[in-house]
Amino acid sequence: MSGATRLSSVDLFAGAGGLTLGLQRAGFDTLLANDNWRPALDTLRSNFGDTVVEAGCVRELTGAWLLERVGGTMPSLVAGGPPCQGFTSAGARRSDDLRNTLVGQFARLVVEVQPQWFLFENVEGMLTASGGDFVIDLLDGVRDGGYSVRLRKVNVANYGVSQLRKRVIAIGTRGSDPGFPTPSHRAYGAPGTQTINTAMLPPAPTVIEALEGIGEPAGSEDQATVQGHFMACASEFDTRRFSLLGPGQTMRDLPEELRHHSYTRRANRRVSDGMPSEKRGGAPAGIRRLLAEEPSKAITSAASREFVHPVQDRCLTLRECARLQGFPDSFEFSGSRSDQATLIGNAIPPPFAELFGRWVAGRELSAPSHADESPRLYEFHVSNGSGLSPALRRVAERVNARYKIGSVPLWC
């Protein structure tokens, strides 16, 4: 891109920098990346030397301060994914968790900075937490600030990532319909990934394809030639567990004497409220052998302890987890092993971010003059399946009543 048309971005809640890396690959200059956790800040500084990296709680930041820190340059895009621990489906939901309010803080900063575009990412649990309050916080905040929005729940596998990872994405722009990129790949192994619209697309990369060429893991960290690609010695008990797991099998497929001590307790807790186990998914998966010819299950901070290599009797290494997230082997993560696992598991996959960055760049550079229209919600697409859960339907009805376009139900 020429200097006159160069696009720029500000990355809030930057974490390891998956979004930053993807946007840079799409042609954006990252003017500033913000986080409030030391390992994330160190990772950003190690991998993005030309980017201003600022520590600080988003609640204490202002749009004026951000613009001052980037020399008064108006960014084309403000992007970010507020921390999701308060409403993730992987943990307990607390409506009073202060981290949840960061969704509203993101919207506030977008409006104060006034970029032409914003890109928001979060977990699917955000949709139903507190009856949809956080969805309203986001949509009200940016709409009142002049942005039209499309919001969808998508799976990153449908956008070329070798991983089945559901995410909520909102794209907004001032003055016109932001549009939304269509899937680039078809995928199998998760509800909603295999749809009519993806039937003729190339398949998402598989686990084996993503791990190709990485070589055998070293026996210890100091022997590893690629950061994180090493394995501590597994116990005889774990090795036996791994050897008995067939493709796609989980802890529940092992003999009871080989299950983790916490497994039964966790399984019982899943149904302690009296809800039948078939409606709650039954017992937790625990360890799981990945399928070689499908995308991975969602990478989390626990993946290097719970995901077994598809053909070898061992867990994945941290570097293999990073590969499945789409990070190059040259990307280095800071902090302890636990810190690195969290950085990798919480990251936005760079290839996913790149595709969305290219969408924004293409729209902005092909038609940079924007129509003058009232801000509106163009789309609220939260299910590719045949139906909605009761909780999600209630939220969809709430959103439809608040932002509906004529009589068209937004969740279809």
Protein backbone atom coordinates (compact mmCIF):
# COMPACT_ATOMS: atom_id res chain seq x y z
CA MET A 1 0.00 0.00 0.00
CA SER A 2 1.17 3.52 -0.65
CA GLY A 3 1.82 5.94 2.18
CA ALA A 4 -1.34 7.85 1.30
CA THR A 5 -3.53 4.80 1.74
CA ARG A 6 -1.71 2.97 4.52
CA LEU A 7 -4.12 1.56 7.08
CA SER A 8 -3.40 1.59 10.81
CA SER A 9 -4.81 -0.02 13.92
CA VAL A 10 -4.91 0.15 17.70
CA ASP A 11 -5.08 -3.24 19.45
CA LEU A 12 -6.74 -3.29 22.89
CA PHE A 13 -6.49 -6.33 25.23
CA ALA A 14 -3.69 -7.44 22.91
CA GLY A 15 -2.57 -10.51 24.88
CA ALA A 16 0.05 -12.49 22.99
CA GLY A 17 -0.55 -10.45 19.84
CA GLY A 18 -2.44 -12.90 17.62
CA LEU A 19 -4.72 -10.11 16.45
CA THR A 20 -1.77 -7.74 16.06
CA LEU A 21 0.15 -10.25 13.93
CA GLY A 22 -2.86 -11.03 11.74
CA LEU A 23 -3.65 -7.37 11.13
CA GLN A 24 -0.04 -6.60 10.27
CA ARG A 25 -0.06 -9.43 7.74
CA ALA A 26 -3.20 -7.84 6.27
CA GLY A 27 -1.34 -4.57 5.75
CA PHE A 28 -2.11 -2.60 8.89
CA ASP A 29 0.44 -0.55 10.80
CA THR A 30 -0.14 -1.28 14.48
CA LEU A 31 0.18 2.12 16.13
CA LEU A 32 -0.35 0.88 19.67
CA ALA A 33 -1.01 -2.38 21.52
CA ASN A 34 -2.36 -2.36 25.07
CA ASP A 35 -2.56 -4.97 27.79
CA ASN A 36 -2.39 -5.11 31.58
CA TRP A 37 -0.47 -8.38 32.15
CA ARG A 38 3.31 -8.49 32.28
CA PRO A 39 3.86 -11.72 30.25
CA ALA A 40 1.62 -10.30 27.51
CA LEU A 41 3.47 -6.99 27.48
CA ASP A 42 6.84 -8.74 27.33
CA THR A 43 5.60 -10.96 24.48
CA LEU A 44 4.34 -7.96 22.52
CA ARG A 45 7.61 -6.07 22.97
CA SER A 46 9.65 -9.12 21.93
CA ASN A 47 7.70 -9.74 18.72
CA PHE A 48 6.54 -6.27 17.63
CA GLY A 49 9.51 -3.98 18.11
CA ASP A 50 8.11 -1.13 15.99
CA THR A 51 4.80 -1.00 17.85
CA VAL A 52 4.12 1.23 20.84
CA VAL A 53 3.23 -1.17 23.67
CA GLU A 54 1.38 0.42 26.58
CA ALA A 55 0.57 -1.11 29.94
CA GLY A 56 -2.60 -0.03 31.63
CA CYS A 57 -6.14 -0.94 32.60
CA VAL A 58 -8.57 -0.04 29.83
CA ARG A 59 -10.96 1.50 32.36
CA GLU A 60 -8.34 4.17 33.01
CA LEU A 61 -7.59 4.94 29.36
CA THR A 62 -9.22 7.65 27.27
CA GLY A 63 -9.48 8.15 23.56
CA ALA A 64 -7.60 11.43 23.84
CA TRP A 65 -4.72 9.71 25.63
CA LEU A 66 -4.54 6.95 23.03
CA LEU A 67 -4.45 9.46 20.19
CA GLU A 68 -1.75 11.43 21.99
CA ARG A 69 0.38 8.29 22.40
CA VAL A 70 0.27 7.62 18.63
CA GLY A 71 1.19 11.19 17.71
CA GLY A 72 -2.33 12.28 16.84
CA THR A 73 -2.67 9.76 14.00
CA MET A 74 -6.27 8.64 13.60
CA PRO A 75 -6.25 4.82 13.35
CA SER A 76 -8.33 3.21 10.64
CA LEU A 77 -9.34 0.42 13.01
CA VAL A 78 -9.68 -0.17 16.74
CA ALA A 79 -9.69 -3.91 17.49
CA GLY A 80 -9.71 -6.13 20.53
CA GLY A 81 -11.15 -8.99 22.51
CA PRO A 82 -11.89 -8.12 26.16
CA PRO A 83 -10.93 -10.83 28.68
CA CYS A 84 -13.66 -13.43 28.80
CA GLN A 85 -13.10 -15.27 32.10
CA GLY A 86 -16.20 -13.72 33.62
CA PHE A 87 -18.55 -15.35 31.12
CA THR A 88 -16.68 -18.17 29.41
CA SER A 89 -18.45 -21.54 29.23
CA ALA A 90 -15.24 -23.14 30.53
CA GLY A 91 -15.65 -21.62 33.98
CA ALA A 92 -18.17 -20.34 36.46
CA ARG A 93 -20.27 -17.41 35.27
CA ARG A 94 -20.54 -14.41 37.53
CA SER A 95 -22.67 -11.49 36.47
CA ASP A 96 -20.86 -9.28 38.97
CA ASP A 97 -17.38 -10.10 37.66
CA LEU A 98 -15.72 -6.74 37.02
CA ARG A 99 -13.94 -8.13 33.97
CA ASN A 100 -17.30 -8.34 32.19
CA THR A 101 -17.63 -4.56 32.10
CA LEU A 102 -14.63 -4.42 29.78
CA VAL A 103 -17.02 -5.01 26.87
CA GLY A 104 -18.57 -1.65 27.58
CA GLN A 105 -15.14 -0.10 28.01
CA PHE A 106 -14.14 -1.33 24.57
CA ALA A 107 -17.22 0.33 23.06
CA ARG A 108 -16.46 3.55 24.95
CA LEU A 109 -12.92 3.74 23.60
CA VAL A 110 -14.04 3.04 20.04
CA VAL A 111 -16.45 5.95 20.24
CA GLU A 112 -13.88 8.27 21.84
CA VAL A 113 -11.19 7.46 19.26
CA GLN A 114 -13.66 7.47 16.31
CA PRO A 115 -11.82 5.18 13.86
CA GLN A 116 -13.63 4.40 10.64
CA TRP A 117 -13.80 0.71 11.66
CA PHE A 118 -13.82 -1.49 14.74
CA LEU A 119 -13.37 -5.24 15.12
CA PHE A 120 -14.53 -7.03 18.29
CA GLU A 121 -13.85 -10.67 19.23
CA ASN A 122 -15.06 -12.78 22.15
CA VAL A 123 -16.18 -16.20 23.31
CA GLU A 124 -19.68 -17.51 22.60
CA GLY A 125 -20.50 -17.43 26.34
CA MET A 126 -20.66 -13.65 26.05
CA LEU A 127 -23.92 -13.97 24.12
CA THR A 128 -25.99 -15.44 26.93
CA ALA A 129 -24.16 -14.18 30.04
CA SER A 130 -26.42 -12.04 32.23
CA GLY A 131 -29.26 -12.53 29.79
CA GLY A 132 -27.44 -10.74 26.99
CA ASP A 133 -26.45 -7.61 28.94
CA PHE A 134 -22.94 -7.63 27.47
CA VAL A 135 -24.28 -7.86 23.93
CA ILE A 136 -26.42 -4.80 24.64
CA ASP A 137 -23.45 -3.01 26.24
CA LEU A 138 -21.48 -3.46 23.03
CA LEU A 139 -24.23 -2.75 20.52
CA ASP A 140 -25.74 0.22 22.34
CA GLY A 141 -22.32 1.73 22.93
CA VAL A 142 -21.11 1.63 19.34
CA ARG A 143 -24.48 2.35 17.73
CA ASP A 144 -24.98 5.44 19.88
CA GLY A 145 -21.48 6.48 18.80
CA GLY A 146 -22.41 6.33 15.11
CA TYR A 147 -21.43 2.80 14.03
CA SER A 148 -23.39 0.29 11.98
CA VAL A 149 -22.68 -3.30 12.98
CA ARG A 150 -22.82 -6.91 11.90
CA LEU A 151 -22.39 -9.55 14.62
CA ARG A 152 -21.98 -13.26 14.02
CA LYS A 153 -20.95 -16.35 15.91
CA VAL A 154 -18.46 -18.16 13.71
CA ASN A 155 -16.03 -21.06 13.86
CA VAL A 156 -12.43 -20.21 13.05
CA ALA A 157 -12.08 -23.51 11.16
CA ASN A 158 -14.39 -22.05 8.51
CA TYR A 159 -11.81 -19.28 8.05
CA GLY A 160 -8.77 -21.47 7.45
CA VAL A 161 -7.57 -22.28 10.98
CA SER A 162 -6.83 -25.90 11.90
CA GLN A 163 -8.99 -25.66 15.00
CA LEU A 164 -12.68 -25.89 15.94
CA ARG A 165 -13.03 -22.69 17.93
CA LYS A 166 -16.30 -20.77 18.20
CA ARG A 167 -16.04 -17.02 18.46
CA VAL A 168 -18.34 -14.00 18.47
CA ILE A 169 -17.21 -11.36 15.97
CA ALA A 170 -18.65 -7.88 15.56
CA ILE A 171 -17.55 -5.61 12.71
CA GLY A 172 -18.61 -1.99 12.61
CA THR A 173 -18.06 1.09 10.49
CA ARG A 174 -19.35 4.63 10.32
CA GLY A 175 -21.80 5.59 7.59
CA SER A 176 -22.46 2.31 5.79
CA ASP A 177 -22.96 -1.44 5.98
CA PRO A 178 -19.69 -3.04 7.18
CA GLY A 179 -20.45 -6.35 5.53
CA PHE A 180 -18.93 -9.59 6.81
CA PRO A 181 -16.40 -11.96 5.23
CA THR A 182 -17.82 -15.24 4.01
CA PRO A 183 -16.22 -18.53 5.10
CA SER A 184 -13.12 -19.56 3.18
CA HIS A 185 -13.09 -23.24 4.22
CA ARG A 186 -15.39 -26.11 5.04
CA ALA A 187 -14.88 -28.07 8.25
CA TYR A 188 -16.14 -31.11 10.10
CA GLY A 189 -16.32 -32.09 13.74
CA ALA A 190 -18.43 -29.33 15.29
CA PRO A 191 -22.08 -28.24 14.92
CA GLY A 192 -22.60 -25.49 12.35
CA THR A 193 -19.26 -25.85 10.56
CA GLN A 194 -20.59 -27.94 7.67
CA THR A 195 -23.20 -25.80 5.95
CA ILE A 196 -24.54 -25.46 2.40
CA ASN A 197 -22.52 -22.28 1.95
CA THR A 198 -19.22 -24.08 2.59
CA ALA A 199 -19.80 -27.30 0.63
CA MET A 200 -17.66 -26.29 -2.36
CA LEU A 201 -14.86 -24.70 -0.34
CA PRO A 202 -11.47 -26.31 0.40
CA PRO A 203 -11.25 -28.20 3.70
CA ALA A 204 -9.84 -26.52 6.79
CA PRO A 205 -6.28 -27.61 7.60
CA THR A 206 -6.10 -30.75 9.69
CA VAL A 207 -4.09 -31.35 12.85
CA ILE A 208 -1.48 -33.38 10.98
CA GLU A 209 -1.14 -30.70 8.32
CA ALA A 210 -0.68 -27.98 10.95
CA LEU A 211 2.02 -30.00 12.75
CA GLU A 212 3.86 -31.07 9.61
CA GLY A 213 7.62 -30.61 9.74
CA ILE A 214 7.88 -29.67 13.39
CA GLY A 215 9.92 -32.76 14.23
CA GLU A 216 10.14 -34.76 17.43
CA PRO A 217 9.94 -32.81 20.68
CA ALA A 218 13.07 -32.40 22.77
CA GLY A 219 13.31 -34.11 26.13
CA SER A 220 13.69 -30.87 28.08
CA GLU A 221 13.33 -27.13 27.65
CA ASP A 222 17.05 -26.43 27.37
CA GLN A 223 17.37 -29.02 24.59
CA ALA A 224 14.55 -27.58 22.47
CA THR A 225 15.56 -25.97 19.17
CA VAL A 226 12.12 -24.36 18.82
CA GLN A 227 10.70 -22.60 21.89
CA GLY A 228 8.14 -24.74 23.67
CA HIS A 229 8.67 -27.89 21.61
CA PHE A 230 9.75 -30.24 24.37
CA MET A 231 8.16 -32.86 26.60
CA ALA A 232 8.78 -33.53 30.25
CA CYS A 233 8.98 -37.23 31.07
CA ALA A 234 5.48 -38.68 31.36
CA SER A 235 4.64 -41.04 34.20
CA GLU A 236 4.12 -44.72 33.47
CA PHE A 237 0.47 -44.19 34.43
CA ASP A 238 0.02 -41.40 31.85
CA THR A 239 1.81 -43.37 29.15
CA ARG A 240 -0.60 -46.25 29.72
CA ARG A 241 -3.56 -43.89 29.49
CA PHE A 242 -2.29 -42.42 26.23
CA SER A 243 -1.65 -45.84 24.70
CA LEU A 244 -5.24 -46.93 25.30
CA LEU A 245 -6.85 -43.87 23.73
CA GLY A 246 -8.00 -44.40 20.17
CA PRO A 247 -8.57 -41.57 17.67
CA GLY A 248 -11.04 -39.08 19.12
CA GLN A 249 -11.41 -40.93 22.42
CA THR A 250 -11.44 -39.15 25.78
CA MET A 251 -11.09 -39.90 29.48
CA ARG A 252 -14.56 -41.40 29.59
CA ASP A 253 -13.38 -44.16 27.23
CA LEU A 254 -10.67 -45.34 29.64
CA PRO A 255 -11.13 -48.00 32.32
CA GLU A 256 -12.32 -46.41 35.54
CA GLU A 257 -9.06 -47.20 37.34
CA LEU A 258 -7.14 -45.11 34.78
CA ARG A 259 -9.24 -41.97 35.05
CA HIS A 260 -7.92 -38.96 36.92
CA HIS A 261 -8.95 -38.83 40.57
CA SER A 262 -10.89 -35.61 39.96
CA TYR A 263 -12.80 -37.01 36.99
CA THR A 264 -15.75 -38.54 38.85
CA ARG A 265 -16.06 -35.51 41.11
CA ARG A 266 -16.12 -33.17 38.12
CA ALA A 267 -18.59 -35.39 36.31
CA ASN A 268 -20.93 -35.40 39.29
CA ARG A 269 -20.67 -31.61 39.63
CA ARG A 270 -21.85 -31.27 36.05
CA VAL A 271 -25.23 -32.77 36.99
CA SER A 272 -25.50 -31.75 40.66
CA ASP A 273 -28.38 -29.43 39.84
CA GLY A 274 -30.48 -32.40 38.75
CA MET A 275 -30.34 -31.73 35.02
CA PRO A 276 -30.04 -34.98 33.04
CA SER A 277 -26.47 -35.60 31.89
CA GLU A 278 -27.54 -35.98 28.25
CA LYS A 279 -28.61 -32.34 28.34
CA ARG A 280 -25.35 -31.18 29.88
CA GLY A 281 -22.98 -33.12 27.68
CA GLY A 282 -22.26 -35.75 30.33
CA ALA A 283 -18.92 -35.98 32.05
CA PRO A 284 -16.06 -33.66 31.06
CA ALA A 285 -13.73 -34.91 28.35
CA GLY A 286 -10.52 -34.70 30.38
CA ILE A 287 -7.66 -35.92 28.20
CA ARG A 288 -8.51 -36.42 24.53
CA ARG A 289 -6.67 -37.87 21.55
CA LEU A 290 -7.04 -35.52 18.62
CA LEU A 291 -8.16 -36.76 15.23
CA ALA A 292 -5.36 -36.54 12.69
CA GLU A 293 -7.56 -35.72 9.69
CA GLU A 294 -9.77 -33.08 11.32
CA PRO A 295 -9.09 -29.67 12.82
CA SER A 296 -8.15 -29.69 16.50
CA LYS A 297 -10.62 -29.07 19.27
CA ALA A 298 -10.37 -25.56 20.73
CA ILE A 299 -6.93 -24.78 22.12
CA THR A 300 -7.10 -23.53 25.71
CA SER A 301 -4.49 -22.91 28.39
CA ALA A 302 -4.92 -26.58 29.38
CA ALA A 303 -4.42 -28.03 25.90
CA SER A 304 -0.80 -29.08 26.46
CA ARG A 305 -1.96 -31.14 29.45
CA GLU A 306 -5.18 -32.54 28.00
CA PHE A 307 -4.74 -32.97 24.24
CA VAL A 308 -2.97 -36.16 23.17
CA HIS A 309 -1.04 -36.18 19.89
CA PRO A 310 -3.07 -37.89 17.13
CA VAL A 311 -0.49 -40.62 16.44
CA GLN A 312 2.03 -40.49 19.29
CA ASP A 313 1.42 -41.48 22.92
CA ARG A 314 2.10 -38.07 24.45
CA CYS A 315 0.42 -34.73 25.04
CA LEU A 316 0.92 -31.84 22.67
CA THR A 317 3.83 -29.50 23.28
CA LEU A 318 3.25 -25.79 23.80
CA ARG A 319 4.71 -25.13 20.35
CA GLU A 320 2.30 -27.58 18.78
CA CYS A 321 -0.55 -25.74 20.51
CA ALA A 322 0.82 -22.50 19.08
CA ARG A 323 0.98 -24.11 15.62
CA LEU A 324 -2.70 -25.07 15.90
CA GLN A 325 -3.45 -21.45 16.77
CA GLY A 326 -1.60 -20.37 13.64
CA PHE A 327 1.52 -18.81 15.18
CA PRO A 328 4.82 -19.22 13.32
CA ASP A 329 7.63 -21.10 15.03
CA SER A 330 9.64 -17.87 15.18
CA PHE A 331 7.07 -16.24 17.48
CA GLU A 332 8.27 -16.36 21.09
CA PHE A 333 6.09 -16.26 24.20
CA SER A 334 7.29 -14.74 27.47
CA GLY A 335 6.83 -15.80 31.08
CA SER A 336 6.65 -19.16 32.78
CA ARG A 337 5.40 -22.31 31.08
CA SER A 338 1.99 -21.66 32.65
CA ASP A 339 2.05 -18.05 31.41
CA GLN A 340 2.92 -19.21 27.90
CA ALA A 341 0.10 -21.76 27.92
CA THR A 342 -2.34 -19.01 28.89
CA LEU A 343 -1.02 -16.62 26.24
CA ILE A 344 -1.37 -19.28 23.55
CA GLY A 345 -4.78 -20.51 24.68
CA ASN A 346 -6.29 -17.02 24.94
CA ALA A 347 -4.91 -15.72 21.64
CA ILE A 348 -6.88 -14.84 18.54
CA PRO A 349 -5.51 -17.11 15.77
CA PRO A 350 -3.36 -14.90 13.51
CA PRO A 351 -4.69 -16.39 10.22
CA PHE A 352 -8.24 -15.66 11.38
CA ALA A 353 -7.31 -12.08 12.29
CA GLU A 354 -5.53 -11.67 8.95
CA LEU A 355 -8.60 -12.68 6.97
CA PHE A 356 -10.79 -10.19 8.82
CA GLY A 357 -8.11 -7.52 8.47
CA ARG A 358 -8.02 -8.08 4.73
CA TRP A 359 -11.79 -7.75 4.62
CA VAL A 360 -11.67 -4.38 6.36
CA ALA A 361 -8.74 -3.23 4.22
CA GLY A 362 -10.49 -4.24 1.01
CA ARG A 363 -13.69 -2.44 1.95
CA GLU A 364 -11.88 0.67 3.11
CA LEU A 365 -9.48 1.01 0.21
CA SER A 366 -11.96 0.09 -2.54
CA ALA A 367 -14.63 2.53 -1.34
CA PRO A 368 -13.14 4.89 1.25
CA SER A 369 -15.93 7.46 0.85
CA HIS A 370 -18.74 6.32 3.13
CA ALA A 371 -22.42 6.91 2.69
CA ASP A 372 -24.14 9.08 5.26
CA GLU A 373 -26.72 6.87 6.92
CA SER A 374 -28.08 6.37 10.40
CA PRO A 375 -26.24 3.73 12.47
CA ARG A 376 -28.02 0.39 12.59
CA LEU A 377 -27.58 -3.27 13.39
CA TYR A 378 -27.50 -5.08 10.06
CA GLU A 379 -27.14 -8.61 11.37
CA PHE A 380 -27.22 -10.68 14.54
CA HIS A 381 -26.41 -14.21 13.36
CA VAL A 382 -25.71 -16.44 16.34
CA SER A 383 -26.41 -19.98 15.16
CA ASN A 384 -25.65 -22.05 12.07
CA GLY A 385 -27.58 -24.96 13.51
CA SER A 386 -31.24 -25.85 13.11
CA GLY A 387 -32.28 -24.13 16.32
CA LEU A 388 -31.30 -21.98 19.26
CA SER A 389 -30.91 -22.96 22.88
CA PRO A 390 -33.59 -21.43 25.14
CA ALA A 391 -31.05 -19.00 26.62
CA LEU A 392 -29.76 -17.93 23.21
CA ARG A 393 -33.28 -17.57 21.84
CA ARG A 394 -34.20 -15.23 24.69
CA VAL A 395 -31.18 -13.07 23.93
CA ALA A 396 -31.95 -13.11 20.19
CA GLU A 397 -35.52 -12.02 20.90
CA ARG A 398 -34.25 -9.27 23.18
CA VAL A 399 -31.85 -8.03 20.51
CA ASN A 400 -34.51 -8.29 17.81
CA ALA A 401 -36.96 -6.23 19.86
CA ARG A 402 -34.33 -3.57 20.42
CA TYR A 403 -32.72 -3.31 16.97
CA LYS A 404 -34.99 -5.17 14.53
CA ILE A 405 -35.05 -4.37 10.83
CA GLY A 406 -38.70 -4.49 9.85
CA SER A 407 -40.06 -7.97 10.54
CA VAL A 408 -36.88 -9.86 9.64
CA PRO A 409 -35.67 -11.97 12.58
CA LEU A 410 -31.99 -11.12 12.96
CA TRP A 411 -30.89 -14.53 14.16
CA CYS A 412 -31.79 -16.40 10.98
